[in-house]
Amino acid sequence: MPTRKTLSAEDWISAAFRALGEGGVQAIRAEAIARDLKVSKGSFYWHFRDVPALKARMLAHWQHLATDAIIRNVEAIGTTPLAQLQALVIEATGVPSSAYGGDRTESAIREWARHDATTAAILKSVDERRLAYLVQLFRKCGQSADRSGTNARILYGALIGLEILASQDLADVRASMLELLAYLLGENPAGRTSPG
């Protein structure tokens, strides 16, 4: 059985993400997470002052893993902007780690942000960063500033919507996103005419 000395803060953060994905923000409770980890609640206080401190660390962790790390991975490819856009879609549509709540985490954070101003501010910052990065990549592909902004919003909005559909087994997020990306870049994957 793990003890407070064998569990790291990251173990608690992972367990809190699993709780978030399964039961929403109200499921992030020290006692319930301790029970899930099979340790005493006292172990929680070894790492965190209180539940709000855990939630703050969760959001910082999510911001890093779901945005900063993905951008760093895409930048490391170092090839063409088109290859980076494709890599970004593949990274963003990869199977989320079950250690961090799996594919329900992002939508659970969006729901959390509807009721919490701090979470809403962090989510807005993440959305702005992601959109800015998409705009940058579309610009590097030779699109105008206006077209890049529009295409970034379309692609990002589609990702959010397709993730909801996929949670109901109604969409293949990666395939749909790659097809949409090709369309937005004027590649006409299904023989359609795309706007210039």
Foldseek 3Di string as FASTA:
>chain_A
DDELVRDDLLLLLLLQLQLCLVPFNVSQALCNSCVVVVYHSVSVVVHAVHSVRSVVVNLVVCLCPQAVVLLVVLVVVVDALLSSVLSSLCVNLDFDDVSRNTLRRVVSLVVVLVPDVVSVVSVVVSLVRQLVVQLVSVVSLVDDSVLSNVLSCVLVVLLVVQSVCVVVPNDNRSVVSVCSSCLSSQNPPPVDGHDD
